[in-house]
PDB file of N, CA and C in Angstrom:
ATOM      1  N   MET A   1     -24.481 -99.936 140.660  1.00  0.00           N
ATOM      2  CA  MET A   1     -23.308 -99.639 139.857  1.00  0.00           C
ATOM      3  C   MET A   1     -23.470-100.343 138.512  1.00  0.00           C
ATOM      4  N   ARG A   2     -23.094 -99.678 137.464  1.00  0.00           N
ATOM      5  CA  ARG A   2     -23.108-100.258 136.128  1.00  0.00           C
ATOM      6  C   ARG A   2     -21.683-100.229 135.608  1.00  0.00           C
ATOM      7  N   VAL A   3     -21.275-101.354 135.000  1.00  0.00           N
ATOM      8  CA  VAL A   3     -19.945-101.473 134.416  1.00  0.00           C
ATOM      9  C   VAL A   3     -20.116-101.823 132.947  1.00  0.00           C
ATOM     10  N   ASN A   4     -19.482-101.061 132.087  1.00  0.00           N
ATOM     11  CA  ASN A   4     -19.529-101.352 130.654  1.00  0.00           C
ATOM     12  C   ASN A   4     -18.235-102.030 130.235  1.00  0.00           C
ATOM     13  N   VAL A   5     -18.361-103.209 129.649  1.00  0.00           N
ATOM     14  CA  VAL A   5     -17.233-103.932 129.080  1.00  0.00           C
ATOM     15  C   VAL A   5     -17.603-104.197 127.628  1.00  0.00           C
ATOM     16  N   TYR A   6     -16.744-103.817 126.719  1.00  0.00           N
ATOM     17  CA  TYR A   6     -17.028-103.956 125.298  1.00  0.00           C
ATOM     18  C   TYR A   6     -16.510-105.284 124.781  1.00  0.00           C
ATOM     19  N   ALA A   7     -17.224-105.862 123.809  1.00  0.00           N
ATOM     20  CA  ALA A   7     -16.916-107.195 123.288  1.00  0.00           C
ATOM     21  C   ALA A   7     -15.457-107.321 122.862  1.00  0.00           C
ATOM     22  N   GLU A   8     -14.909-106.272 122.277  1.00  0.00           N
ATOM     23  CA  GLU A   8     -13.524-106.361 121.803  1.00  0.00           C
ATOM     24  C   GLU A   8     -12.510-106.405 122.953  1.00  0.00           C
ATOM     25  N   GLU A   9     -12.956-106.133 124.186  1.00  0.00           N
ATOM     26  CA  GLU A   9     -12.069-106.208 125.343  1.00  0.00           C
ATOM     27  C   GLU A   9     -12.047-107.609 125.971  1.00  0.00           C
ATOM     28  N   LEU A  10     -13.071-108.409 125.700  1.00  0.00           N
ATOM     29  CA  LEU A  10     -13.174-109.733 126.305  1.00  0.00           C
ATOM     30  C   LEU A  10     -12.128-110.682 125.741  1.00  0.00           C
ATOM     31  N   THR A  11     -11.642-111.571 126.589  1.00  0.00           N
ATOM     32  CA  THR A  11     -10.679-112.578 126.166  1.00  0.00           C
ATOM     33  C   THR A  11     -11.216-113.953 126.533  1.00  0.00           C
ATOM     34  N   ASP A  12     -10.532-114.979 126.070  1.00  0.00           N
ATOM     35  CA  ASP A  12     -10.902-116.329 126.494  1.00  0.00           C
ATOM     36  C   ASP A  12     -10.085-116.760 127.711  1.00  0.00           C
ATOM     37  N   ASN A  13      -9.405-115.814 128.350  1.00  0.00           N
ATOM     38  CA  ASN A  13      -8.662-116.076 129.571  1.00  0.00           C
ATOM     39  C   ASN A  13      -9.645-115.973 130.731  1.00  0.00           C
ATOM     40  N   ILE A  14     -10.161-117.123 131.168  1.00  0.00           N
ATOM     41  CA  ILE A  14     -11.212-117.195 132.184  1.00  0.00           C
ATOM     42  C   ILE A  14     -10.744-118.105 133.307  1.00  0.00           C
ATOM     43  N   GLU A  15     -10.991-117.683 134.543  1.00  0.00           N
ATOM     44  CA  GLU A  15     -10.590-118.463 135.709  1.00  0.00           C
ATOM     45  C   GLU A  15     -11.765-118.611 136.681  1.00  0.00           C
ATOM     46  N   ILE A  16     -11.739-119.697 137.440  1.00  0.00           N
ATOM     47  CA  ILE A  16     -12.696-119.904 138.527  1.00  0.00           C
ATOM     48  C   ILE A  16     -11.929-119.716 139.836  1.00  0.00           C
ATOM     49  N   HIS A  17     -12.478-118.918 140.732  1.00  0.00           N
ATOM     50  CA  HIS A  17     -11.873-118.676 142.046  1.00  0.00           C
ATOM     51  C   HIS A  17     -12.891-119.030 143.118  1.00  0.00           C
ATOM     52  N   SER A  18     -12.411-119.561 144.228  1.00  0.00           N
ATOM     53  CA  SER A  18     -13.270-119.883 145.368  1.00  0.00           C
ATOM     54  C   SER A  18     -12.634-119.338 146.628  1.00  0.00           C
ATOM     55  N   LYS A  19     -13.481-118.934 147.558  1.00  0.00           N
ATOM     56  CA  LYS A  19     -12.988-118.527 148.866  1.00  0.00           C
ATOM     57  C   LYS A  19     -14.094-118.760 149.889  1.00  0.00           C
ATOM     58  N   VAL A  20     -13.691-118.955 151.116  1.00  0.00           N
ATOM     59  CA  VAL A  20     -14.629-119.161 152.208  1.00  0.00           C
ATOM     60  C   VAL A  20     -14.501-117.987 153.162  1.00  0.00           C
ATOM     61  N   ILE A  21     -15.636-117.364 153.463  1.00  0.00           N
ATOM     62  CA  ILE A  21     -15.679-116.239 154.397  1.00  0.00           C
ATOM     63  C   ILE A  21     -16.749-116.559 155.430  1.00  0.00           C
ATOM     64  N   GLU A  22     -16.338-116.626 156.689  1.00  0.00           N
ATOM     65  CA  GLU A  22     -17.249-116.921 157.803  1.00  0.00           C
ATOM     66  C   GLU A  22     -18.086-118.165 157.518  1.00  0.00           C
ATOM     67  N   GLY A  23     -17.440-119.202 156.989  1.00  0.00           N
ATOM     68  CA  GLY A  23     -18.113-120.471 156.731  1.00  0.00           C
ATOM     69  C   GLY A  23     -18.929-120.530 155.454  1.00  0.00           C
ATOM     70  N   GLN A  24     -19.037-119.432 154.739  1.00  0.00           N
ATOM     71  CA  GLN A  24     -19.815-119.385 153.491  1.00  0.00           C
ATOM     72  C   GLN A  24     -18.863-119.449 152.316  1.00  0.00           C
ATOM     73  N   GLU A  25     -19.094-120.404 151.406  1.00  0.00           N
ATOM     74  CA  GLU A  25     -18.227-120.519 150.231  1.00  0.00           C
ATOM     75  C   GLU A  25     -18.744-119.619 149.106  1.00  0.00           C
ATOM     76  N   PHE A  26     -17.837-118.889 148.501  1.00  0.00           N
ATOM     77  CA  PHE A  26     -18.136-118.018 147.379  1.00  0.00           C
ATOM     78  C   PHE A  26     -17.358-118.518 146.167  1.00  0.00           C
ATOM     79  N   THR A  27     -17.976-118.476 145.002  1.00  0.00           N
ATOM     80  CA  THR A  27     -17.320-118.864 143.754  1.00  0.00           C
ATOM     81  C   THR A  27     -17.338-117.664 142.829  1.00  0.00           C
ATOM     82  N   GLY A  28     -16.199-117.418 142.202  1.00  0.00           N
ATOM     83  CA  GLY A  28     -16.088-116.294 141.280  1.00  0.00           C
ATOM     84  C   GLY A  28     -15.664-116.751 139.898  1.00  0.00           C
ATOM     85  N   LEU A  29     -16.271-116.167 138.887  1.00  0.00           N
ATOM     86  CA  LEU A  29     -15.894-116.381 137.494  1.00  0.00           C
ATOM     87  C   LEU A  29     -15.177-115.123 137.039  1.00  0.00           C
ATOM     88  N   ARG A  30     -13.877-115.231 136.767  1.00  0.00           N
ATOM     89  CA  ARG A  30     -13.061-114.072 136.391  1.00  0.00           C
ATOM     90  C   ARG A  30     -12.768-114.119 134.893  1.00  0.00           C
ATOM     91  N   ILE A  31     -13.086-113.041 134.210  1.00  0.00           N
ATOM     92  CA  ILE A  31     -12.815-112.902 132.775  1.00  0.00           C
ATOM     93  C   ILE A  31     -11.832-111.756 132.609  1.00  0.00           C
ATOM     94  N   TYR A  32     -10.670-112.063 132.060  1.00  0.00           N
ATOM     95  CA  TYR A  32      -9.642-111.033 131.856  1.00  0.00           C
ATOM     96  C   TYR A  32      -9.965-110.205 130.622  1.00  0.00           C
ATOM     97  N   LEU A  33      -9.546-108.950 130.657  1.00  0.00           N
ATOM     98  CA  LEU A  33      -9.804-108.005 129.579  1.00  0.00           C
ATOM     99  C   LEU A  33      -8.497-107.551 128.951  1.00  0.00           C
ATOM    100  N   HIS A  34      -8.541-107.330 127.665  1.00  0.00           N
ATOM    101  CA  HIS A  34      -7.411-106.733 126.946  1.00  0.00           C
ATOM    102  C   HIS A  34      -7.937-105.507 126.222  1.00  0.00           C
ATOM    103  N   LEU A  35      -7.467-104.349 126.627  1.00  0.00           N
ATOM    104  CA  LEU A  35      -7.915-103.095 126.036  1.00  0.00           C
ATOM    105  C   LEU A  35      -7.237-102.880 124.694  1.00  0.00           C
ATOM    106  N   PRO A  36      -8.027-102.731 123.623  1.00  0.00           N
ATOM    107  CA  PRO A  36      -7.403-102.439 122.330  1.00  0.00           C
ATOM    108  C   PRO A  36      -6.818-101.025 122.323  1.00  0.00           C
ATOM    109  N   VAL A  37      -5.679-100.880 121.672  1.00  0.00           N
ATOM    110  CA  VAL A  37      -5.021 -99.575 121.562  1.00  0.00           C
ATOM    111  C   VAL A  37      -4.612 -99.331 120.117  1.00  0.00           C
ATOM    112  N   THR A  38      -4.490 -98.064 119.781  1.00  0.00           N
ATOM    113  CA  THR A  38      -3.985 -97.692 118.466  1.00  0.00           C
ATOM    114  C   THR A  38      -2.515 -97.332 118.608  1.00  0.00           C
ATOM    115  N   LEU A  39      -1.682 -98.011 117.846  1.00  0.00           N
ATOM    116  CA  LEU A  39      -0.242 -97.769 117.882  1.00  0.00           C
ATOM    117  C   LEU A  39       0.097 -96.522 117.070  1.00  0.00           C
ATOM    118  N   PRO A  40       1.290 -95.945 117.261  1.00  0.00           N
ATOM    119  CA  PRO A  40       1.658 -94.728 116.530  1.00  0.00           C
ATOM    120  C   PRO A  40       1.538 -94.856 115.017  1.00  0.00           C
ATOM    121  N   ASP A  41       1.705 -96.078 114.472  1.00  0.00           N
ATOM    122  CA  ASP A  41       1.589 -96.242 113.016  1.00  0.00           C
ATOM    123  C   ASP A  41       0.142 -96.429 112.568  1.00  0.00           C
ATOM    124  N   GLY A  42      -0.826 -96.357 113.525  1.00  0.00           N
ATOM    125  CA  GLY A  42      -2.243 -96.456 113.179  1.00  0.00           C
ATOM    126  C   GLY A  42      -2.812 -97.861 113.271  1.00  0.00           C
ATOM    127  N   THR A  43      -1.986 -98.868 113.481  1.00  0.00           N
ATOM    128  CA  THR A  43      -2.497-100.232 113.601  1.00  0.00           C
ATOM    129  C   THR A  43      -3.072-100.449 114.999  1.00  0.00           C
ATOM    130  N   GLN A  44      -3.972-101.429 115.095  1.00  0.00           N
ATOM    131  CA  GLN A  44      -4.596-101.780 116.358  1.00  0.00           C
ATOM    132  C   GLN A  44      -3.883-102.973 116.976  1.00  0.00           C
ATOM    133  N   ALA A  45      -3.762-102.975 118.291  1.00  0.00           N
ATOM    134  CA  ALA A  45      -3.161-104.094 119.011  1.00  0.00           C
ATOM    135  C   ALA A  45      -3.894-104.253 120.330  1.00  0.00           C
ATOM    136  N   GLN A  46      -3.846-105.456 120.865  1.00  0.00           N
ATOM    137  CA  GLN A  46      -4.353-105.672 122.209  1.00  0.00           C
ATOM    138  C   GLN A  46      -3.655-106.888 122.796  1.00  0.00           C
ATOM    139  N   GLY A  47      -3.562-106.904 124.101  1.00  0.00           N
ATOM    140  CA  GLY A  47      -2.905-108.003 124.782  1.00  0.00           C
ATOM    141  C   GLY A  47      -2.854-107.732 126.263  1.00  0.00           C
ATOM    142  N   ALA A  48      -2.203-108.629 126.965  1.00  0.00           N
ATOM    143  CA  ALA A  48      -2.064-108.477 128.412  1.00  0.00           C
ATOM    144  C   ALA A  48      -1.276-107.215 128.734  1.00  0.00           C
ATOM    145  N   PHE A  49      -1.596-106.610 129.881  1.00  0.00           N
ATOM    146  CA  PHE A  49      -0.888-105.407 130.328  1.00  0.00           C
ATOM    147  C   PHE A  49       0.278-105.856 131.193  1.00  0.00           C
ATOM    148  N   MET A  50       1.439-106.021 130.578  1.00  0.00           N
ATOM    149  CA  MET A  50       2.614-106.559 131.261  1.00  0.00           C
ATOM    150  C   MET A  50       3.590-105.434 131.595  1.00  0.00           C
ATOM    151  N   HIS A  51       3.878-105.262 132.899  1.00  0.00           N
ATOM    152  CA  HIS A  51       4.916-104.311 133.301  1.00  0.00           C
ATOM    153  C   HIS A  51       6.281-104.858 132.904  1.00  0.00           C
ATOM    154  N   HIS A  52       6.466-106.131 133.151  1.00  0.00           N
ATOM    155  CA  HIS A  52       7.669-106.869 132.761  1.00  0.00           C
ATOM    156  C   HIS A  52       7.309-108.350 132.877  1.00  0.00           C
ATOM    157  N   PRO A  53       8.112-109.250 132.336  1.00  0.00           N
ATOM    158  CA  PRO A  53       7.759-110.676 132.383  1.00  0.00           C
ATOM    159  C   PRO A  53       7.395-111.126 133.805  1.00  0.00           C
ATOM    160  N   GLY A  54       6.253-111.796 133.891  1.00  0.00           N
ATOM    161  CA  GLY A  54       5.781-112.284 135.178  1.00  0.00           C
ATOM    162  C   GLY A  54       4.957-111.291 135.970  1.00  0.00           C
ATOM    163  N   ASP A  55       4.784-110.069 135.482  1.00  0.00           N
ATOM    164  CA  ASP A  55       4.017-109.037 136.185  1.00  0.00           C
ATOM    165  C   ASP A  55       2.853-108.581 135.312  1.00  0.00           C
ATOM    166  N   ASP A  56       1.827-109.427 135.242  1.00  0.00           N
ATOM    167  CA  ASP A  56       0.631-109.148 134.442  1.00  0.00           C
ATOM    168  C   ASP A  56      -0.328-108.307 135.272  1.00  0.00           C
ATOM    169  N   ASP A  57      -0.596-107.094 134.835  1.00  0.00           N
ATOM    170  CA  ASP A  57      -1.498-106.192 135.541  1.00  0.00           C
ATOM    171  C   ASP A  57      -2.759-105.949 134.715  1.00  0.00           C
ATOM    172  N   SER A  58      -3.191-106.981 133.976  1.00  0.00           N
ATOM    173  CA  SER A  58      -4.378-106.856 133.132  1.00  0.00           C
ATOM    174  C   SER A  58      -5.631-106.659 133.971  1.00  0.00           C
ATOM    175  N   SER A  59      -6.582-105.942 133.408  1.00  0.00           N
ATOM    176  CA  SER A  59      -7.883-105.779 134.054  1.00  0.00           C
ATOM    177  C   SER A  59      -8.673-107.070 133.924  1.00  0.00           C
ATOM    178  N   ALA A  60      -9.615-107.245 134.824  1.00  0.00           N
ATOM    179  CA  ALA A  60     -10.498-108.408 134.789  1.00  0.00           C
ATOM    180  C   ALA A  60     -11.813-108.032 135.449  1.00  0.00           C
ATOM    181  N   VAL A  61     -12.839-108.778 135.124  1.00  0.00           N
ATOM    182  CA  VAL A  61     -14.140-108.655 135.773  1.00  0.00           C
ATOM    183  C   VAL A  61     -14.409-109.990 136.445  1.00  0.00           C
ATOM    184  N   THR A  62     -14.760-109.962 137.730  1.00  0.00           N
ATOM    185  CA  THR A  62     -15.067-111.194 138.453  1.00  0.00           C
ATOM    186  C   THR A  62     -16.518-111.128 138.923  1.00  0.00           C
ATOM    187  N   PHE A  63     -17.285-112.163 138.592  1.00  0.00           N
ATOM    188  CA  PHE A  63     -18.670-112.305 139.028  1.00  0.00           C
ATOM    189  C   PHE A  63     -18.668-113.266 140.214  1.00  0.00           C
ATOM    190  N   TRP A  64     -19.015-112.768 141.402  1.00  0.00           N
ATOM    191  CA  TRP A  64     -18.998-113.587 142.615  1.00  0.00           C
ATOM    192  C   TRP A  64     -20.407-114.000 142.976  1.00  0.00           C
ATOM    193  N   GLY A  65     -20.518-115.207 143.534  1.00  0.00           N
ATOM    194  CA  GLY A  65     -21.828-115.675 143.978  1.00  0.00           C
ATOM    195  C   GLY A  65     -21.725-116.620 145.150  1.00  0.00           C
ATOM    196  N   LYS A  66     -22.741-116.574 146.040  1.00  0.00           N
ATOM    197  CA  LYS A  66     -22.848-117.528 147.139  1.00  0.00           C
ATOM    198  C   LYS A  66     -23.412-118.840 146.619  1.00  0.00           C
ATOM    199  N   ARG A  67     -24.204-118.737 145.563  1.00  0.00           N
ATOM    200  CA  ARG A  67     -24.853-119.905 144.983  1.00  0.00           C
ATOM    201  C   ARG A  67     -24.252-120.166 143.613  1.00  0.00           C
ATOM    202  N   ASP A  68     -24.740-121.195 142.992  1.00  0.00           N
ATOM    203  CA  ASP A  68     -24.296-121.609 141.667  1.00  0.00           C
ATOM    204  C   ASP A  68     -24.535-120.477 140.666  1.00  0.00           C
ATOM    205  N   LEU A  69     -23.469-120.037 139.998  1.00  0.00           N
ATOM    206  CA  LEU A  69     -23.565-118.952 139.013  1.00  0.00           C
ATOM    207  C   LEU A  69     -24.159-119.412 137.682  1.00  0.00           C
ATOM    208  N   ARG A  70     -24.176-120.728 137.439  1.00  0.00           N
ATOM    209  CA  ARG A  70     -24.567-121.225 136.117  1.00  0.00           C
ATOM    210  C   ARG A  70     -25.976-120.826 135.727  1.00  0.00           C
ATOM    211  N   GLY A  71     -26.906-120.782 136.689  1.00  0.00           N
ATOM    212  CA  GLY A  71     -28.290-120.429 136.362  1.00  0.00           C
ATOM    213  C   GLY A  71     -28.405-119.041 135.755  1.00  0.00           C
ATOM    214  N   VAL A  72     -27.786-118.053 136.398  1.00  0.00           N
ATOM    215  CA  VAL A  72     -27.879-116.681 135.882  1.00  0.00           C
ATOM    216  C   VAL A  72     -27.121-116.544 134.560  1.00  0.00           C
ATOM    217  N   LEU A  73     -25.995-117.256 134.421  1.00  0.00           N
ATOM    218  CA  LEU A  73     -25.251-117.188 133.158  1.00  0.00           C
ATOM    219  C   LEU A  73     -26.035-117.859 132.028  1.00  0.00           C
ATOM    220  N   ARG A  74     -26.697-118.979 132.324  1.00  0.00           N
ATOM    221  CA  ARG A  74     -27.545-119.625 131.305  1.00  0.00           C
ATOM    222  C   ARG A  74     -28.689-118.704 130.887  1.00  0.00           C
ATOM    223  N   LYS A  75     -29.285-118.018 131.870  1.00  0.00           N
ATOM    224  CA  LYS A  75     -30.368-117.084 131.559  1.00  0.00           C
ATOM    225  C   LYS A  75     -29.860-115.975 130.640  1.00  0.00           C
ATOM    226  N   ALA A  76     -28.662-115.444 130.942  1.00  0.00           N
ATOM    227  CA  ALA A  76     -28.093-114.385 130.099  1.00  0.00           C
ATOM    228  C   ALA A  76     -27.860-114.886 128.684  1.00  0.00           C
ATOM    229  N   LEU A  77     -27.319-116.102 128.535  1.00  0.00           N
ATOM    230  CA  LEU A  77     -27.097-116.664 127.197  1.00  0.00           C
ATOM    231  C   LEU A  77     -28.418-116.910 126.473  1.00  0.00           C
ATOM    232  N   ALA A  78     -29.431-117.391 127.189  1.00  0.00           N
ATOM    233  CA  ALA A  78     -30.742-117.611 126.568  1.00  0.00           C
ATOM    234  C   ALA A  78     -31.341-116.292 126.085  1.00  0.00           C
ATOM    235  N   MET A  79     -31.174-115.234 126.880  1.00  0.00           N
ATOM    236  CA  MET A  79     -31.679-113.924 126.460  1.00  0.00           C
ATOM    237  C   MET A  79     -30.946-113.433 125.217  1.00  0.00           C
ATOM    238  N   LEU A  80     -29.624-113.642 125.162  1.00  0.00           N
ATOM    239  CA  LEU A  80     -28.870-113.250 123.964  1.00  0.00           C
ATOM    240  C   LEU A  80     -29.301-114.076 122.757  1.00  0.00           C
ATOM    241  N   ASP A  81     -29.502-115.391 122.950  1.00  0.00           N
ATOM    242  CA  ASP A  81     -29.980-116.230 121.847  1.00  0.00           C
ATOM    243  C   ASP A  81     -31.311-115.723 121.319  1.00  0.00           C
ATOM    244  N   THR A  82     -32.236-115.398 122.224  1.00  0.00           N
ATOM    245  CA  THR A  82     -33.542-114.879 121.813  1.00  0.00           C
ATOM    246  C   THR A  82     -33.376-113.561 121.069  1.00  0.00           C
ATOM    247  N   HIS A  83     -32.535-112.695 121.586  1.00  0.00           N
ATOM    248  CA  HIS A  83     -32.301-111.396 120.939  1.00  0.00           C
ATOM    249  C   HIS A  83     -31.769-111.578 119.516  1.00  0.00           C
ATOM    250  N   TYR A  84     -30.718-112.386 119.372  1.00  0.00           N
ATOM    251  CA  TYR A  84     -30.110-112.552 118.062  1.00  0.00           C
ATOM    252  C   TYR A  84     -31.009-113.337 117.117  1.00  0.00           C
ATOM    253  N   ASP A  85     -31.779-114.284 117.649  1.00  0.00           N
ATOM    254  CA  ASP A  85     -32.670-115.074 116.802  1.00  0.00           C
ATOM    255  C   ASP A  85     -33.825-114.228 116.277  1.00  0.00           C
ATOM    256  N   SER A  86     -34.270-113.241 117.074  1.00  0.00           N
ATOM    257  CA  SER A  86     -35.397-112.416 116.653  1.00  0.00           C
ATOM    258  C   SER A  86     -34.961-111.088 116.050  1.00  0.00           C
ATOM    259  N   ALA A  87     -33.648-110.826 116.051  1.00  0.00           N
ATOM    260  CA  ALA A  87     -33.147-109.557 115.504  1.00  0.00           C
ATOM    261  C   ALA A  87     -33.348-109.518 113.998  1.00  0.00           C
ATOM    262  N   PRO A  88     -33.597-108.347 113.454  1.00  0.00           N
ATOM    263  CA  PRO A  88     -33.704-108.251 112.001  1.00  0.00           C
ATOM    264  C   PRO A  88     -32.404-108.683 111.337  1.00  0.00           C
ATOM    265  N   MET A  89     -32.524-109.083 110.101  1.00  0.00           N
ATOM    266  CA  MET A  89     -31.342-109.525 109.386  1.00  0.00           C
ATOM    267  C   MET A  89     -30.325-108.407 109.285  1.00  0.00           C
ATOM    268  N   ASN A  90     -29.062-108.761 109.349  1.00  0.00           N
ATOM    269  CA  ASN A  90     -27.970-107.817 109.219  1.00  0.00           C
ATOM    270  C   ASN A  90     -27.949-107.329 107.775  1.00  0.00           C
ATOM    271  N   PRO A  91     -28.198-106.043 107.520  1.00  0.00           N
ATOM    272  CA  PRO A  91     -28.250-105.570 106.133  1.00  0.00           C
ATOM    273  C   PRO A  91     -26.929-105.724 105.393  1.00  0.00           C
ATOM    274  N   ALA A  92     -25.824-105.699 106.111  1.00  0.00           N
ATOM    275  CA  ALA A  92     -24.527-105.813 105.446  1.00  0.00           C
ATOM    276  C   ALA A  92     -24.305-107.212 104.889  1.00  0.00           C
ATOM    277  N   SER A  93     -24.807-108.225 105.593  1.00  0.00           N
ATOM    278  CA  SER A  93     -24.560-109.592 105.139  1.00  0.00           C
ATOM    279  C   SER A  93     -25.835-110.322 104.753  1.00  0.00           C
ATOM    280  N   ALA A  94     -27.005-109.701 104.993  1.00  0.00           N
ATOM    281  CA  ALA A  94     -28.305-110.317 104.706  1.00  0.00           C
ATOM    282  C   ALA A  94     -28.435-111.656 105.423  1.00  0.00           C
ATOM    283  N   GLU A  95     -27.861-111.766 106.611  1.00  0.00           N
ATOM    284  CA  GLU A  95     -27.947-112.988 107.403  1.00  0.00           C
ATOM    285  C   GLU A  95     -28.409-112.651 108.806  1.00  0.00           C
ATOM    286  N   ARG A  96     -29.042-113.637 109.432  1.00  0.00           N
ATOM    287  CA  ARG A  96     -29.368-113.506 110.847  1.00  0.00           C
ATOM    288  C   ARG A  96     -28.156-113.930 111.656  1.00  0.00           C
ATOM    289  N   HIS A  97     -28.049-113.410 112.866  1.00  0.00           N
ATOM    290  CA  HIS A  97     -26.996-113.877 113.772  1.00  0.00           C
ATOM    291  C   HIS A  97     -27.329-115.304 114.169  1.00  0.00           C
ATOM    292  N   PRO A  98     -26.397-116.239 114.082  1.00  0.00           N
ATOM    293  CA  PRO A  98     -26.669-117.606 114.505  1.00  0.00           C
ATOM    294  C   PRO A  98     -26.797-117.708 116.021  1.00  0.00           C
ATOM    295  N   VAL A  99     -27.501-118.731 116.487  1.00  0.00           N
ATOM    296  CA  VAL A  99     -27.672-118.967 117.914  1.00  0.00           C
ATOM    297  C   VAL A  99     -26.454-119.723 118.427  1.00  0.00           C
ATOM    298  N   LEU A 100     -25.925-119.300 119.557  1.00  0.00           N
ATOM    299  CA  LEU A 100     -24.752-119.931 120.163  1.00  0.00           C
ATOM    300  C   LEU A 100     -25.195-121.172 120.926  1.00  0.00           C
ATOM    301  N   THR A 101     -24.660-122.324 120.569  1.00  0.00           N
ATOM    302  CA  THR A 101     -24.962-123.572 121.256  1.00  0.00           C
ATOM    303  C   THR A 101     -23.876-123.883 122.274  1.00  0.00           C
ATOM    304  N   ASP A 102     -24.108-124.897 123.122  1.00  0.00           N
ATOM    305  CA  ASP A 102     -23.090-125.316 124.083  1.00  0.00           C
ATOM    306  C   ASP A 102     -21.820-125.750 123.363  1.00  0.00           C
ATOM    307  N   ALA A 103     -21.971-126.456 122.222  1.00  0.00           N
ATOM    308  CA  ALA A 103     -20.796-126.885 121.453  1.00  0.00           C
ATOM    309  C   ALA A 103     -20.040-125.676 120.908  1.00  0.00           C
ATOM    310  N   ASP A 104     -20.778-124.650 120.483  1.00  0.00           N
ATOM    311  CA  ASP A 104     -20.141-123.430 119.991  1.00  0.00           C
ATOM    312  C   ASP A 104     -19.368-122.745 121.115  1.00  0.00           C
ATOM    313  N   ALA A 105     -19.962-122.697 122.307  1.00  0.00           N
ATOM    314  CA  ALA A 105     -19.289-122.068 123.442  1.00  0.00           C
ATOM    315  C   ALA A 105     -18.003-122.816 123.769  1.00  0.00           C
ATOM    316  N   ALA A 106     -18.048-124.149 123.731  1.00  0.00           N
ATOM    317  CA  ALA A 106     -16.841-124.938 123.999  1.00  0.00           C
ATOM    318  C   ALA A 106     -15.776-124.656 122.947  1.00  0.00           C
ATOM    319  N   ALA A 107     -16.198-124.542 121.679  1.00  0.00           N
ATOM    320  CA  ALA A 107     -15.248-124.233 120.600  1.00  0.00           C
ATOM    321  C   ALA A 107     -14.662-122.848 120.801  1.00  0.00           C
ATOM    322  N   ASP A 108     -15.484-121.896 121.221  1.00  0.00           N
ATOM    323  CA  ASP A 108     -14.997-120.540 121.481  1.00  0.00           C
ATOM    324  C   ASP A 108     -13.942-120.548 122.583  1.00  0.00           C
ATOM    325  N   LEU A 109     -14.206-121.287 123.658  1.00  0.00           N
ATOM    326  CA  LEU A 109     -13.250-121.348 124.761  1.00  0.00           C
ATOM    327  C   LEU A 109     -11.960-122.023 124.341  1.00  0.00           C
ATOM    328  N   ALA A 110     -12.063-122.966 123.399  1.00  0.00           N
ATOM    329  CA  ALA A 110     -10.868-123.655 122.918  1.00  0.00           C
ATOM    330  C   ALA A 110     -10.118-122.825 121.882  1.00  0.00           C
ATOM    331  N   GLY A 111     -10.718-121.692 121.463  1.00  0.00           N
ATOM    332  CA  GLY A 111     -10.071-120.833 120.477  1.00  0.00           C
ATOM    333  C   GLY A 111     -10.273-121.290 119.049  1.00  0.00           C
ATOM    334  N   THR A 112     -11.258-122.177 118.838  1.00  0.00           N
ATOM    335  CA  THR A 112     -11.546-122.668 117.488  1.00  0.00           C
ATOM    336  C   THR A 112     -12.300-121.595 116.716  1.00  0.00           C
ATOM    337  N   PRO A 113     -11.799-121.158 115.557  1.00  0.00           N
ATOM    338  CA  PRO A 113     -12.495-120.123 114.795  1.00  0.00           C
ATOM    339  C   PRO A 113     -13.823-120.638 114.253  1.00  0.00           C
ATOM    340  N   ARG A 114     -14.806-119.765 114.219  1.00  0.00           N
ATOM    341  CA  ARG A 114     -16.122-120.110 113.681  1.00  0.00           C
ATOM    342  C   ARG A 114     -16.462-119.100 112.595  1.00  0.00           C
ATOM    343  N   PRO A 115     -16.267-119.448 111.349  1.00  0.00           N
ATOM    344  CA  PRO A 115     -16.500-118.485 110.270  1.00  0.00           C
ATOM    345  C   PRO A 115     -17.949-118.053 110.132  1.00  0.00           C
ATOM    346  N   ASP A 116     -18.886-118.855 110.684  1.00  0.00           N
ATOM    347  CA  ASP A 116     -20.305-118.528 110.561  1.00  0.00           C
ATOM    348  C   ASP A 116     -20.799-117.568 111.636  1.00  0.00           C
ATOM    349  N   TYR A 117     -19.931-117.204 112.590  1.00  0.00           N
ATOM    350  CA  TYR A 117     -20.346-116.387 113.711  1.00  0.00           C
ATOM    351  C   TYR A 117     -19.478-115.154 113.813  1.00  0.00           C
ATOM    352  N   PRO A 118     -20.077-113.974 113.965  1.00  0.00           N
ATOM    353  CA  PRO A 118     -19.262-112.764 114.050  1.00  0.00           C
ATOM    354  C   PRO A 118     -18.349-112.807 115.255  1.00  0.00           C
ATOM    355  N   SER A 119     -17.120-112.356 115.077  1.00  0.00           N
ATOM    356  CA  SER A 119     -16.161-112.355 116.198  1.00  0.00           C
ATOM    357  C   SER A 119     -16.505-111.243 117.162  1.00  0.00           C
ATOM    358  N   ALA A 120     -16.023-111.409 118.396  1.00  0.00           N
ATOM    359  CA  ALA A 120     -16.299-110.421 119.461  1.00  0.00           C
ATOM    360  C   ALA A 120     -15.613-109.122 119.165  1.00  0.00           C
TER     361      ALA A 120
END
């Protein structure tokens, strides 16, 4: 199965979930999604899918694992760093995409804006 999630749908609303099934512990990393929509006046908006206060029916993607998920996530980030570091310069800005560091990831999770890095 392949699932496509677009960068503009990703949020910094991330949760860790754990459960035990037949003595085996599973850990899940859940990332909530906000689907962008075009309003009748043509403006774009996105946010949680709320039926009414307290009833959040937002979509999310959960990555479950029996083992530590950090290894595969680090590999994915390293592959993205390699891709962006070796990608040709962006003709619109004549700049290379910067490499995301651990400090940058922490700033992203904290919601700190980074003017040197393209937004999702």
